């Protein structure tokens, strides 16, 4: 991670049993330390993948992040 990295949107399931959500929290923290724009969304009760990620609330956050990052 360094200051030349692009903005990151990290979306992770709270109950992911394949990759610990702590990994995404650590990545977000390091990005913040290096002043890289990032947003971490932890999806409540969600596993590694599935329909819990395909909801209006997350789609809205993704679109807002893209609009902000691509301006």
N, C-alpha and C. Protein backbone atom coordinates (compact mmCIF):
# COMPACT_ATOMS: atom_id res chain seq x y z
N UNK A 1 0.85 -1.17 0.00
CA UNK A 1 0.00 0.00 0.00
C UNK A 1 0.90 1.23 0.00
N UNK A 2 0.62 2.15 -0.92
CA UNK A 2 1.32 3.43 -0.89
C UNK A 2 0.41 4.53 -1.42
N UNK A 3 0.87 5.77 -1.29
CA UNK A 3 0.04 6.92 -1.63
C UNK A 3 -0.33 7.01 -3.11
N UNK A 4 0.26 6.17 -3.95
CA UNK A 4 -0.08 6.18 -5.37
C UNK A 4 -1.22 5.22 -5.72
N UNK A 5 -1.71 4.49 -4.73
CA UNK A 5 -2.80 3.55 -4.99
C UNK A 5 -4.10 4.30 -5.29
N UNK A 6 -4.96 3.69 -6.10
CA UNK A 6 -6.25 4.32 -6.42
C UNK A 6 -7.20 4.19 -5.23
N UNK A 7 -8.33 4.89 -5.28
CA UNK A 7 -9.35 4.73 -4.23
C UNK A 7 -9.84 3.28 -4.17
N UNK A 8 -10.15 2.83 -2.98
CA UNK A 8 -10.64 1.47 -2.76
C UNK A 8 -12.03 1.50 -2.17
N UNK A 9 -12.90 0.64 -2.69
CA UNK A 9 -14.19 0.34 -2.07
C UNK A 9 -14.10 -1.11 -1.66
N UNK A 10 -14.18 -1.37 -0.38
CA UNK A 10 -14.05 -2.73 0.14
C UNK A 10 -15.40 -3.13 0.73
N UNK A 11 -15.94 -4.23 0.24
CA UNK A 11 -17.23 -4.73 0.74
C UNK A 11 -16.99 -6.15 1.23
N UNK A 12 -17.33 -6.38 2.49
CA UNK A 12 -17.01 -7.67 3.10
C UNK A 12 -18.17 -8.14 3.97
N UNK A 13 -18.43 -9.44 3.93
CA UNK A 13 -19.48 -10.02 4.77
C UNK A 13 -19.02 -10.16 6.21
N UNK A 14 -19.89 -9.77 7.12
CA UNK A 14 -19.57 -9.84 8.55
C UNK A 14 -19.29 -11.26 9.01
N UNK A 15 -19.98 -12.23 8.42
CA UNK A 15 -19.83 -13.63 8.84
C UNK A 15 -19.10 -14.46 7.79
N UNK A 16 -18.20 -13.83 7.07
CA UNK A 16 -17.38 -14.52 6.07
C UNK A 16 -16.51 -15.55 6.78
N UNK A 17 -16.65 -16.83 6.40
CA UNK A 17 -15.82 -17.87 7.02
C UNK A 17 -14.68 -18.32 6.09
N UNK A 18 -14.54 -17.67 4.94
CA UNK A 18 -13.43 -17.98 4.03
C UNK A 18 -12.30 -16.97 4.18
N UNK A 19 -12.64 -15.70 4.30
CA UNK A 19 -11.67 -14.62 4.50
C UNK A 19 -12.18 -13.78 5.67
N UNK A 20 -11.39 -13.66 6.69
CA UNK A 20 -11.81 -12.91 7.86
C UNK A 20 -12.08 -11.44 7.52
N UNK A 21 -13.18 -10.89 8.01
CA UNK A 21 -13.44 -9.46 7.82
C UNK A 21 -12.29 -8.60 8.36
N UNK A 22 -11.55 -9.13 9.29
CA UNK A 22 -10.40 -8.40 9.86
C UNK A 22 -9.40 -8.04 8.76
N UNK A 23 -9.28 -8.88 7.73
CA UNK A 23 -8.36 -8.58 6.63
C UNK A 23 -8.76 -7.31 5.91
N UNK A 24 -10.06 -7.13 5.68
CA UNK A 24 -10.53 -5.91 5.03
C UNK A 24 -10.38 -4.70 5.94
N UNK A 25 -10.57 -4.91 7.25
CA UNK A 25 -10.38 -3.82 8.19
C UNK A 25 -8.91 -3.38 8.21
N UNK A 26 -8.00 -4.34 8.17
CA UNK A 26 -6.57 -4.02 8.13
C UNK A 26 -6.20 -3.28 6.85
N UNK A 27 -6.71 -3.77 5.71
CA UNK A 27 -6.43 -3.10 4.45
C UNK A 27 -6.93 -1.65 4.49
N UNK A 28 -8.14 -1.46 4.96
CA UNK A 28 -8.70 -0.12 5.05
C UNK A 28 -7.84 0.77 5.95
N UNK A 29 -7.39 0.21 7.06
CA UNK A 29 -6.54 0.98 7.98
C UNK A 29 -5.23 1.41 7.33
N UNK A 30 -4.59 0.49 6.62
CA UNK A 30 -3.33 0.83 5.95
C UNK A 30 -3.55 1.86 4.85
N UNK A 31 -4.64 1.73 4.13
CA UNK A 31 -4.95 2.72 3.10
C UNK A 31 -5.13 4.10 3.73
N UNK A 32 -5.81 4.14 4.86
CA UNK A 32 -6.03 5.40 5.55
C UNK A 32 -4.71 5.99 6.04
N UNK A 33 -3.83 5.16 6.59
CA UNK A 33 -2.52 5.62 7.05
C UNK A 33 -1.73 6.26 5.91
N UNK A 34 -1.87 5.67 4.71
CA UNK A 34 -1.15 6.18 3.55
C UNK A 34 -1.93 7.24 2.78
N UNK A 35 -3.02 7.72 3.36
CA UNK A 35 -3.86 8.78 2.78
C UNK A 35 -4.49 8.39 1.45
N UNK A 36 -4.80 7.11 1.31
CA UNK A 36 -5.50 6.63 0.11
C UNK A 36 -7.00 6.62 0.43
N UNK A 37 -7.77 7.26 -0.42
CA UNK A 37 -9.21 7.29 -0.24
C UNK A 37 -9.75 5.86 -0.24
N UNK A 38 -10.57 5.55 0.76
CA UNK A 38 -11.16 4.20 0.82
C UNK A 38 -12.43 4.23 1.64
N UNK A 39 -13.26 3.25 1.37
CA UNK A 39 -14.49 3.06 2.13
C UNK A 39 -14.64 1.57 2.39
N UNK A 40 -14.93 1.22 3.62
CA UNK A 40 -15.16 -0.17 4.01
C UNK A 40 -16.61 -0.34 4.38
N UNK A 41 -17.26 -1.30 3.73
CA UNK A 41 -18.64 -1.64 4.05
C UNK A 41 -18.64 -3.08 4.55
N UNK A 42 -19.05 -3.27 5.79
CA UNK A 42 -19.21 -4.61 6.35
C UNK A 42 -20.70 -4.94 6.29
N UNK A 43 -21.03 -5.98 5.55
CA UNK A 43 -22.44 -6.34 5.36
C UNK A 43 -22.88 -7.24 6.51
N UNK A 44 -23.79 -6.74 7.32
CA UNK A 44 -24.24 -7.43 8.52
C UNK A 44 -24.78 -8.82 8.20
N UNK A 45 -24.28 -9.79 8.95
CA UNK A 45 -24.71 -11.20 8.88
C UNK A 45 -24.43 -11.88 7.54
N UNK A 46 -23.68 -11.25 6.66
CA UNK A 46 -23.44 -11.81 5.32
C UNK A 46 -22.23 -12.76 5.34
N UNK A 47 -22.30 -13.82 4.52
CA UNK A 47 -21.16 -14.73 4.37
C UNK A 47 -20.17 -14.15 3.35
N UNK A 48 -19.40 -15.02 2.71
CA UNK A 48 -18.39 -14.58 1.73
C UNK A 48 -19.04 -13.98 0.47
N UNK A 49 -20.18 -14.48 0.09
CA UNK A 49 -20.89 -13.99 -1.11
C UNK A 49 -22.36 -14.33 -0.96
N UNK A 50 -23.17 -13.76 -1.84
CA UNK A 50 -24.59 -14.12 -1.84
C UNK A 50 -25.49 -12.93 -2.04
N UNK A 51 -26.79 -13.19 -1.98
CA UNK A 51 -27.79 -12.16 -2.28
C UNK A 51 -27.81 -11.00 -1.29
N UNK A 52 -27.20 -11.16 -0.13
CA UNK A 52 -27.20 -10.07 0.86
C UNK A 52 -26.40 -8.87 0.36
N UNK A 53 -25.55 -9.10 -0.64
CA UNK A 53 -24.75 -8.01 -1.20
C UNK A 53 -25.49 -7.27 -2.31
N UNK A 54 -26.51 -7.91 -2.87
CA UNK A 54 -27.24 -7.33 -4.00
C UNK A 54 -28.53 -6.68 -3.51
N UNK A 55 -28.35 -5.59 -2.76
CA UNK A 55 -29.49 -4.86 -2.23
C UNK A 55 -29.32 -3.37 -2.56
N UNK A 56 -30.41 -2.66 -2.53
CA UNK A 56 -30.40 -1.25 -2.92
C UNK A 56 -29.43 -0.42 -2.08
N UNK A 57 -29.35 -0.67 -0.79
CA UNK A 57 -28.47 0.11 0.08
C UNK A 57 -27.00 0.01 -0.37
N UNK A 58 -26.57 -1.18 -0.73
CA UNK A 58 -25.18 -1.36 -1.18
C UNK A 58 -24.99 -0.80 -2.57
N UNK A 59 -25.95 -1.03 -3.46
CA UNK A 59 -25.84 -0.46 -4.81
C UNK A 59 -25.72 1.06 -4.75
N UNK A 60 -26.48 1.69 -3.88
CA UNK A 60 -26.42 3.15 -3.72
C UNK A 60 -25.03 3.58 -3.24
N UNK A 61 -24.47 2.85 -2.28
CA UNK A 61 -23.14 3.18 -1.78
C UNK A 61 -22.07 2.99 -2.85
N UNK A 62 -22.22 1.94 -3.65
CA UNK A 62 -21.25 1.70 -4.75
C UNK A 62 -21.31 2.85 -5.75
N UNK A 63 -22.51 3.23 -6.14
CA UNK A 63 -22.65 4.32 -7.11
C UNK A 63 -22.11 5.65 -6.55
N UNK A 64 -22.37 5.93 -5.28
CA UNK A 64 -21.85 7.16 -4.67
C UNK A 64 -20.33 7.14 -4.63
N UNK A 65 -19.75 5.99 -4.30
CA UNK A 65 -18.29 5.88 -4.26
C UNK A 65 -17.71 6.10 -5.66
N UNK A 66 -18.31 5.49 -6.66
CA UNK A 66 -17.81 5.66 -8.03
C UNK A 66 -17.94 7.10 -8.50
N UNK A 67 -19.07 7.73 -8.22
CA UNK A 67 -19.25 9.13 -8.62
C UNK A 67 -18.19 10.02 -7.96
N UNK A 68 -17.95 9.79 -6.68
CA UNK A 68 -16.97 10.60 -5.94
C UNK A 68 -15.56 10.32 -6.46
N UNK A 69 -15.25 9.08 -6.72
CA UNK A 69 -13.89 8.69 -7.11
C UNK A 69 -13.56 9.02 -8.56
N UNK A 70 -14.56 9.09 -9.41
CA UNK A 70 -14.31 9.33 -10.82
C UNK A 70 -14.45 10.80 -11.21
N UNK A 71 -14.80 11.66 -10.27
CA UNK A 71 -14.91 13.09 -10.56
C UNK A 71 -13.55 13.71 -10.75
